[in-house]
Amino acid sequence: MKSIFTILILLVSIQAFGQQMTWEQWEKESQTNIRLLPKYGNVEKTKEQKKSDEKFIEITLKQDSTHRKGSDHLISLGFQYLYRDVKTAMYRFNQAYLLDSTNTDVYWGFGAVYMTLGQYQKAKEQYEEGLNKAPENTHLLTDYATCFMAQYYALEPIENEIAIQNLDSAINYMTQSYNLDPTDQNTLFKLSILYWNKGDCDNAWKYYDECKVLGGRPITEAYKKDLEKKCQRKK
């Protein structure tokens, strides 16, 4: 049986924040709305659409001065919208791509949209595309690991072979992200959870403590109680 905290965590957690659209609705609307497709579906835009894009870029550059700054700003806005208006989030991520197609954090945003819609395989594809371009992008590595983490929790029983493979993959990619940036609290918290599930109490406490020292912002009280219950501190 899953612990309470795993339900709270389901990471970018997804339906817990109130999913505004079903996947079926998203798929249907995306057939006529290219703004719901990563990189606008790579379709050739109309003259009117291209003109509108040029105007948008011009206005954005007056505010953010460079294409990359504008792109980063839009990615930040996309994540602010993610759990309350997933459509607008995807619009912002696509605009970020429009401003700077070399900004690999756009794949972080695209993947997050698919995670929110519960489409883990599609999310993985976005993270993989970004990681092929930027293997050391820790945003992508942490959320790629999060896909495996979500798939681990989705399987019943979680002790089965495929679930364990997902858990091991999550630890592998999360550790790669940690090795590149050991100060990301989101990565540290999830590493602690992963090792908690693995039954490795030493590492569960190690990453919990490191996260706590840095502020412990993502740590939930439910997880702390589960950690203390399963992994009593050595005296």
C-alpha atoms as a PDB file:
ATOM      1  CA  MET A   1       0.000   0.000   0.000  1.00  0.00           C
ATOM      2  CA  LYS A   2       1.257   3.441  -0.872  1.00  0.00           C
ATOM      3  CA  SER A   3       2.021   5.855   1.941  1.00  0.00           C
ATOM      4  CA  ILE A   4      -0.002   9.062   2.233  1.00  0.00           C
ATOM      5  CA  PHE A   5       2.900  11.277   1.316  1.00  0.00           C
ATOM      6  CA  THR A   6       3.312   9.608  -2.067  1.00  0.00           C
ATOM      7  CA  ILE A   7      -0.132  10.809  -3.035  1.00  0.00           C
ATOM      8  CA  LEU A   8       0.730  14.335  -1.914  1.00  0.00           C
ATOM      9  CA  ILE A   9       3.947  14.258  -3.826  1.00  0.00           C
ATOM     10  CA  LEU A  10       2.922  12.882  -7.114  1.00  0.00           C
ATOM     11  CA  LEU A  11       5.375  15.219  -8.095  1.00  0.00           C
ATOM     12  CA  VAL A  12       4.539  17.734 -10.421  1.00  0.00           C
ATOM     13  CA  SER A  13       1.441  16.565  -9.124  1.00  0.00           C
ATOM     14  CA  ILE A  14      -0.431  16.399 -11.723  1.00  0.00           C
ATOM     15  CA  GLN A  15      -4.145  15.734 -11.096  1.00  0.00           C
ATOM     16  CA  ALA A  16      -3.845  16.718  -7.443  1.00  0.00           C
ATOM     17  CA  PHE A  17      -3.881  20.385  -8.469  1.00  0.00           C
ATOM     18  CA  GLY A  18      -7.043  20.050 -10.478  1.00  0.00           C
ATOM     19  CA  GLN A  19      -6.640  19.101 -14.092  1.00  0.00           C
ATOM     20  CA  GLN A  20      -8.480  21.558 -16.299  1.00  0.00           C
ATOM     21  CA  MET A  21      -8.710  19.290 -19.365  1.00  0.00           C
ATOM     22  CA  THR A  22      -8.748  15.593 -20.017  1.00  0.00           C
ATOM     23  CA  TRP A  23      -6.175  14.165 -22.392  1.00  0.00           C
ATOM     24  CA  GLU A  24      -8.958  13.350 -24.862  1.00  0.00           C
ATOM     25  CA  GLN A  25     -10.077  16.996 -24.853  1.00  0.00           C
ATOM     26  CA  TRP A  26      -6.481  18.163 -25.283  1.00  0.00           C
ATOM     27  CA  GLU A  27      -5.890  15.842 -28.234  1.00  0.00           C
ATOM     28  CA  LYS A  28      -9.101  16.922 -29.946  1.00  0.00           C
ATOM     29  CA  GLU A  29      -8.450  20.638 -29.548  1.00  0.00           C
ATOM     30  CA  SER A  30      -4.805  20.339 -30.616  1.00  0.00           C
ATOM     31  CA  GLN A  31      -5.971  19.121 -34.033  1.00  0.00           C
ATOM     32  CA  THR A  32      -7.084  22.674 -34.811  1.00  0.00           C
ATOM     33  CA  ASN A  33      -4.957  24.639 -32.346  1.00  0.00           C
ATOM     34  CA  ILE A  34      -1.243  24.307 -33.065  1.00  0.00           C
ATOM     35  CA  ARG A  35      -0.444  26.331 -29.944  1.00  0.00           C
ATOM     36  CA  LEU A  36      -1.195  23.186 -27.928  1.00  0.00           C
ATOM     37  CA  LEU A  37       1.558  21.279 -29.735  1.00  0.00           C
ATOM     38  CA  PRO A  38       5.248  21.560 -28.768  1.00  0.00           C
ATOM     39  CA  LYS A  39       7.020  23.921 -31.173  1.00  0.00           C
ATOM     40  CA  TYR A  40       3.632  24.615 -32.767  1.00  0.00           C
ATOM     41  CA  GLY A  41       3.686  21.116 -34.210  1.00  0.00           C
ATOM     42  CA  ASN A  42       6.506  22.163 -36.567  1.00  0.00           C
ATOM     43  CA  VAL A  43       3.880  23.236 -39.101  1.00  0.00           C
ATOM     44  CA  GLU A  44       4.326  25.998 -41.640  1.00  0.00           C
ATOM     45  CA  LYS A  45       2.524  29.072 -40.335  1.00  0.00           C
ATOM     46  CA  THR A  46       0.314  31.371 -42.381  1.00  0.00           C
ATOM     47  CA  LYS A  47       1.444  34.855 -43.377  1.00  0.00           C
ATOM     48  CA  GLU A  48      -0.890  36.311 -40.760  1.00  0.00           C
ATOM     49  CA  GLN A  49       0.532  34.074 -38.056  1.00  0.00           C
ATOM     50  CA  LYS A  50       4.101  34.961 -39.015  1.00  0.00           C
ATOM     51  CA  LYS A  51       3.256  38.650 -38.942  1.00  0.00           C
ATOM     52  CA  SER A  52       1.692  38.239 -35.501  1.00  0.00           C
ATOM     53  CA  ASP A  53       4.824  36.401 -34.308  1.00  0.00           C
ATOM     54  CA  GLU A  54       7.061  39.212 -35.527  1.00  0.00           C
ATOM     55  CA  LYS A  55       4.966  41.774 -33.685  1.00  0.00           C
ATOM     56  CA  PHE A  56       5.052  39.672 -30.507  1.00  0.00           C
ATOM     57  CA  ILE A  57       8.846  39.332 -30.670  1.00  0.00           C
ATOM     58  CA  GLU A  58       9.234  43.067 -31.213  1.00  0.00           C
ATOM     59  CA  ILE A  59       7.084  43.906 -28.179  1.00  0.00           C
ATOM     60  CA  THR A  60       8.804  41.307 -25.989  1.00  0.00           C
ATOM     61  CA  LEU A  61      12.306  42.515 -26.850  1.00  0.00           C
ATOM     62  CA  LYS A  62      11.383  46.039 -25.734  1.00  0.00           C
ATOM     63  CA  GLN A  63      10.667  44.577 -22.295  1.00  0.00           C
ATOM     64  CA  ASP A  64      13.287  41.839 -21.951  1.00  0.00           C
ATOM     65  CA  SER A  65      16.099  43.211 -24.177  1.00  0.00           C
ATOM     66  CA  THR A  66      17.335  39.865 -25.549  1.00  0.00           C
ATOM     67  CA  HIS A  67      15.751  36.784 -27.072  1.00  0.00           C
ATOM     68  CA  ARG A  68      17.090  34.532 -24.295  1.00  0.00           C
ATOM     69  CA  LYS A  69      15.878  36.792 -21.485  1.00  0.00           C
ATOM     70  CA  GLY A  70      12.458  36.954 -23.099  1.00  0.00           C
ATOM     71  CA  SER A  71      12.416  33.194 -23.559  1.00  0.00           C
ATOM     72  CA  ASP A  72      13.396  32.559 -19.931  1.00  0.00           C
ATOM     73  CA  HIS A  73      10.756  35.018 -18.747  1.00  0.00           C
ATOM     74  CA  LEU A  74       8.061  33.203 -20.708  1.00  0.00           C
ATOM     75  CA  ILE A  75       9.152  29.818 -19.355  1.00  0.00           C
ATOM     76  CA  SER A  76       8.836  31.218 -15.848  1.00  0.00           C
ATOM     77  CA  LEU A  77       5.345  32.489 -16.671  1.00  0.00           C
ATOM     78  CA  GLY A  78       4.428  29.106 -18.130  1.00  0.00           C
ATOM     79  CA  PHE A  79       5.235  27.352 -14.870  1.00  0.00           C
ATOM     80  CA  GLN A  80       3.211  29.920 -12.954  1.00  0.00           C
ATOM     81  CA  TYR A  81       0.187  28.996 -15.075  1.00  0.00           C
ATOM     82  CA  LEU A  82       0.808  25.248 -15.210  1.00  0.00           C
ATOM     83  CA  TYR A  83      -1.579  23.973 -12.530  1.00  0.00           C
ATOM     84  CA  ARG A  84      -4.328  26.538 -12.948  1.00  0.00           C
ATOM     85  CA  ASP A  85      -4.451  26.966 -16.733  1.00  0.00           C
ATOM     86  CA  VAL A  86      -2.478  24.304 -18.585  1.00  0.00           C
ATOM     87  CA  LYS A  87      -3.439  25.694 -22.008  1.00  0.00           C
ATOM     88  CA  THR A  88      -1.994  29.111 -21.234  1.00  0.00           C
ATOM     89  CA  ALA A  89       1.108  27.398 -19.862  1.00  0.00           C
ATOM     90  CA  MET A  90       1.661  25.655 -23.195  1.00  0.00           C
ATOM     91  CA  TYR A  91       1.107  28.944 -25.043  1.00  0.00           C
ATOM     92  CA  ARG A  92       3.860  30.562 -22.951  1.00  0.00           C
ATOM     93  CA  PHE A  93       6.274  27.665 -23.510  1.00  0.00           C
ATOM     94  CA  ASN A  94       5.679  27.851 -27.251  1.00  0.00           C
ATOM     95  CA  GLN A  95       6.272  31.588 -27.211  1.00  0.00           C
ATOM     96  CA  ALA A  96       9.519  30.914 -25.347  1.00  0.00           C
ATOM     97  CA  TYR A  97      10.508  28.577 -28.180  1.00  0.00           C
ATOM     98  CA  LEU A  98       9.502  31.219 -30.726  1.00  0.00           C
ATOM     99  CA  LEU A  99      11.825  33.736 -29.097  1.00  0.00           C
ATOM    100  CA  ASP A 100      14.778  31.380 -28.723  1.00  0.00           C
ATOM    101  CA  SER A 101      14.584  27.903 -30.240  1.00  0.00           C
ATOM    102  CA  THR A 102      18.000  27.059 -28.733  1.00  0.00           C
ATOM    103  CA  ASN A 103      16.734  27.457 -25.150  1.00  0.00           C
ATOM    104  CA  THR A 104      16.517  23.824 -24.021  1.00  0.00           C
ATOM    105  CA  ASP A 105      14.420  24.771 -20.985  1.00  0.00           C
ATOM    106  CA  VAL A 106      11.463  24.896 -23.380  1.00  0.00           C
ATOM    107  CA  TYR A 107      11.533  21.080 -23.327  1.00  0.00           C
ATOM    108  CA  TRP A 108      11.308  21.301 -19.542  1.00  0.00           C
ATOM    109  CA  GLY A 109       8.086  23.248 -20.033  1.00  0.00           C
ATOM    110  CA  PHE A 110       6.679  20.992 -22.752  1.00  0.00           C
ATOM    111  CA  GLY A 111       7.399  17.940 -20.616  1.00  0.00           C
ATOM    112  CA  ALA A 112       5.727  19.526 -17.595  1.00  0.00           C
ATOM    113  CA  VAL A 113       2.532  20.071 -19.607  1.00  0.00           C
ATOM    114  CA  TYR A 114       2.401  16.410 -20.552  1.00  0.00           C
ATOM    115  CA  MET A 115       3.152  15.399 -16.968  1.00  0.00           C
ATOM    116  CA  THR A 116       0.225  17.542 -15.814  1.00  0.00           C
ATOM    117  CA  LEU A 117      -1.965  15.736 -18.347  1.00  0.00           C
ATOM    118  CA  GLY A 118      -0.741  12.367 -17.079  1.00  0.00           C
ATOM    119  CA  GLN A 119       1.035  11.542 -20.359  1.00  0.00           C
ATOM    120  CA  TYR A 120       4.351  10.336 -18.971  1.00  0.00           C
ATOM    121  CA  GLN A 121       5.690   8.804 -22.162  1.00  0.00           C
ATOM    122  CA  LYS A 122       5.098  12.007 -24.100  1.00  0.00           C
ATOM    123  CA  ALA A 123       6.743  13.951 -21.281  1.00  0.00           C
ATOM    124  CA  LYS A 124       9.760  11.651 -21.495  1.00  0.00           C
ATOM    125  CA  GLU A 125      10.047  12.291 -25.216  1.00  0.00           C
ATOM    126  CA  GLN A 126      10.262  16.033 -24.610  1.00  0.00           C
ATOM    127  CA  TYR A 127      12.873  15.655 -21.866  1.00  0.00           C
ATOM    128  CA  GLU A 128      14.884  13.265 -24.036  1.00  0.00           C
ATOM    129  CA  GLU A 129      14.845  15.699 -26.957  1.00  0.00           C
ATOM    130  CA  GLY A 130      16.111  18.446 -24.692  1.00  0.00           C
ATOM    131  CA  LEU A 131      18.747  16.226 -23.084  1.00  0.00           C
ATOM    132  CA  ASN A 132      20.047  15.220 -26.498  1.00  0.00           C
ATOM    133  CA  LYS A 133      20.819  18.896 -27.035  1.00  0.00           C
ATOM    134  CA  ALA A 134      21.910  19.700 -23.452  1.00  0.00           C
ATOM    135  CA  PRO A 135      22.858  16.562 -21.469  1.00  0.00           C
ATOM    136  CA  GLU A 136      23.762  18.624 -18.397  1.00  0.00           C
ATOM    137  CA  ASN A 137      20.516  20.564 -18.123  1.00  0.00           C
ATOM    138  CA  THR A 138      19.547  19.784 -14.523  1.00  0.00           C
ATOM    139  CA  HIS A 139      15.957  20.976 -14.964  1.00  0.00           C
ATOM    140  CA  LEU A 140      15.512  18.316 -17.637  1.00  0.00           C
ATOM    141  CA  LEU A 141      17.359  15.613 -15.710  1.00  0.00           C
ATOM    142  CA  THR A 142      15.340  16.113 -12.524  1.00  0.00           C
ATOM    143  CA  ASP A 143      11.997  16.125 -14.295  1.00  0.00           C
ATOM    144  CA  TYR A 144      13.002  13.216 -16.538  1.00  0.00           C
ATOM    145  CA  ALA A 145      13.718  11.290 -13.343  1.00  0.00           C
ATOM    146  CA  THR A 146      10.357  12.488 -12.040  1.00  0.00           C
ATOM    147  CA  CYS A 147       8.627  10.737 -14.970  1.00  0.00           C
ATOM    148  CA  PHE A 148      10.084   7.414 -13.859  1.00  0.00           C
ATOM    149  CA  MET A 149       9.149   8.269 -10.289  1.00  0.00           C
ATOM    150  CA  ALA A 150       5.519   8.888 -11.281  1.00  0.00           C
ATOM    151  CA  GLN A 151       5.420   5.653 -13.281  1.00  0.00           C
ATOM    152  CA  TYR A 152       6.813   3.797 -10.275  1.00  0.00           C
ATOM    153  CA  TYR A 153       3.948   5.018  -8.115  1.00  0.00           C
ATOM    154  CA  ALA A 154       1.390   4.304 -10.828  1.00  0.00           C
ATOM    155  CA  LEU A 155       2.076   0.571 -10.823  1.00  0.00           C
ATOM    156  CA  GLU A 156       0.434  -1.868  -8.418  1.00  0.00           C
ATOM    157  CA  PRO A 157       1.996  -3.621  -6.688  1.00  0.00           C
ATOM    158  CA  ILE A 158       4.965  -1.272  -6.576  1.00  0.00           C
ATOM    159  CA  GLU A 159       7.237  -4.226  -5.843  1.00  0.00           C
ATOM    160  CA  ASN A 160       6.884  -5.677  -9.349  1.00  0.00           C
ATOM    161  CA  GLU A 161       9.855  -5.832 -11.700  1.00  0.00           C
ATOM    162  CA  ILE A 162       8.846  -2.948 -13.980  1.00  0.00           C
ATOM    163  CA  ALA A 163       8.122  -0.704 -11.000  1.00  0.00           C
ATOM    164  CA  ILE A 164      11.538  -1.427  -9.525  1.00  0.00           C
ATOM    165  CA  GLN A 165      13.174  -0.640 -12.876  1.00  0.00           C
ATOM    166  CA  ASN A 166      11.365   2.710 -12.885  1.00  0.00           C
ATOM    167  CA  LEU A 167      12.564   3.393  -9.338  1.00  0.00           C
ATOM    168  CA  ASP A 168      16.170   2.587 -10.268  1.00  0.00           C
ATOM    169  CA  SER A 169      15.973   4.766 -13.395  1.00  0.00           C
ATOM    170  CA  ALA A 170      14.577   7.636 -11.341  1.00  0.00           C
ATOM    171  CA  ILE A 171      17.468   7.353  -8.878  1.00  0.00           C
ATOM    172  CA  ASN A 172      19.991   7.200 -11.724  1.00  0.00           C
ATOM    173  CA  TYR A 173      18.818  10.371 -13.477  1.00  0.00           C
ATOM    174  CA  MET A 174      18.105  12.234 -10.245  1.00  0.00           C
ATOM    175  CA  THR A 175      21.635  11.461  -9.072  1.00  0.00           C
ATOM    176  CA  GLN A 176      23.064  12.765 -12.344  1.00  0.00           C
ATOM    177  CA  SER A 177      21.176  16.008 -11.753  1.00  0.00           C
ATOM    178  CA  TYR A 178      22.399  16.172  -8.146  1.00  0.00           C
ATOM    179  CA  ASN A 179      26.019  15.667  -9.212  1.00  0.00           C
ATOM    180  CA  LEU A 180      25.684  18.672 -11.522  1.00  0.00           C
ATOM    181  CA  ASP A 181      23.820  20.841  -9.008  1.00  0.00           C
ATOM    182  CA  PRO A 182      23.807  19.630  -5.380  1.00  0.00           C
ATOM    183  CA  THR A 183      21.924  22.732  -4.214  1.00  0.00           C
ATOM    184  CA  ASP A 184      18.571  22.147  -5.934  1.00  0.00           C
ATOM    185  CA  GLN A 185      16.099  21.477  -3.120  1.00  0.00           C
ATOM    186  CA  ASN A 186      13.587  19.853  -5.452  1.00  0.00           C
ATOM    187  CA  THR A 187      16.209  17.308  -6.545  1.00  0.00           C
ATOM    188  CA  LEU A 188      17.344  16.682  -2.962  1.00  0.00           C
ATOM    189  CA  PHE A 189      13.812  16.142  -1.684  1.00  0.00           C
ATOM    190  CA  LYS A 190      12.980  13.694  -4.445  1.00  0.00           C
ATOM    191  CA  LEU A 191      16.241  11.807  -3.935  1.00  0.00           C
ATOM    192  CA  SER A 192      15.338  11.365  -0.281  1.00  0.00           C
ATOM    193  CA  ILE A 193      11.912  10.024  -1.259  1.00  0.00           C
ATOM    194  CA  LEU A 194      13.390   7.676  -3.845  1.00  0.00           C
ATOM    195  CA  TYR A 195      15.805   6.171  -1.339  1.00  0.00           C
ATOM    196  CA  TRP A 196      12.979   5.953   1.210  1.00  0.00           C
ATOM    197  CA  ASN A 197      11.115   3.805  -1.290  1.00  0.00           C
ATOM    198  CA  LYS A 198      14.274   1.830  -1.995  1.00  0.00           C
ATOM    199  CA  GLY A 199      14.633   1.075   1.707  1.00  0.00           C
ATOM    200  CA  ASP A 200      18.002   2.840   1.894  1.00  0.00           C
ATOM    201  CA  CYS A 201      17.552   4.835   5.096  1.00  0.00           C
ATOM    202  CA  ASP A 202      21.090   6.226   5.186  1.00  0.00           C
ATOM    203  CA  ASN A 203      20.665   7.949   1.834  1.00  0.00           C
ATOM    204  CA  ALA A 204      17.066   8.936   2.577  1.00  0.00           C
ATOM    205  CA  TRP A 205      18.306  10.870   5.619  1.00  0.00           C
ATOM    206  CA  LYS A 206      21.399  12.176   3.807  1.00  0.00           C
ATOM    207  CA  TYR A 207      19.397  13.952   1.101  1.00  0.00           C
ATOM    208  CA  TYR A 208      16.681  15.000   3.542  1.00  0.00           C
ATOM    209  CA  ASP A 209      19.311  16.677   5.725  1.00  0.00           C
ATOM    210  CA  GLU A 210      20.987  18.375   2.756  1.00  0.00           C
ATOM    211  CA  CYS A 211      17.610  19.713   1.624  1.00  0.00           C
ATOM    212  CA  LYS A 212      16.825  20.905   5.158  1.00  0.00           C
ATOM    213  CA  VAL A 213      20.121  22.787   5.430  1.00  0.00           C
ATOM    214  CA  LEU A 214      19.294  24.661   2.228  1.00  0.00           C
ATOM    215  CA  GLY A 215      15.842  25.622   3.519  1.00  0.00           C
ATOM    216  CA  GLY A 216      13.781  22.458   3.151  1.00  0.00           C
ATOM    217  CA  ARG A 217      11.168  24.304   1.122  1.00  0.00           C
ATOM    218  CA  PRO A 218       9.614  21.277  -0.648  1.00  0.00           C
ATOM    219  CA  ILE A 219       9.609  18.926   2.368  1.00  0.00           C
ATOM    220  CA  THR A 220       6.124  17.967   3.537  1.00  0.00           C
ATOM    221  CA  GLU A 221       5.215  17.123   7.114  1.00  0.00           C
ATOM    222  CA  ALA A 222       3.670  13.864   5.879  1.00  0.00           C
ATOM    223  CA  TYR A 223       6.977  12.787   4.379  1.00  0.00           C
ATOM    224  CA  LYS A 224       8.920  13.709   7.506  1.00  0.00           C
ATOM    225  CA  LYS A 225       6.605  11.515   9.590  1.00  0.00           C
ATOM    226  CA  ASP A 226       6.920   8.600   7.157  1.00  0.00           C
ATOM    227  CA  LEU A 227      10.692   8.945   7.085  1.00  0.00           C
ATOM    228  CA  GLU A 228      10.933   8.953  10.881  1.00  0.00           C
ATOM    229  CA  LYS A 229       8.590   5.966  11.104  1.00  0.00           C
ATOM    230  CA  LYS A 230      10.417   3.816   8.576  1.00  0.00           C
ATOM    231  CA  CYS A 231      13.965   5.061   9.178  1.00  0.00           C
ATOM    232  CA  GLN A 232      14.642   5.722  12.829  1.00  0.00           C
ATOM    233  CA  ARG A 233      17.764   7.790  13.400  1.00  0.00           C
ATOM    234  CA  LYS A 234      20.798   5.843  14.482  1.00  0.00           C
ATOM    235  CA  LYS A 235      22.007   6.875  17.944  1.00  0.00           C
END
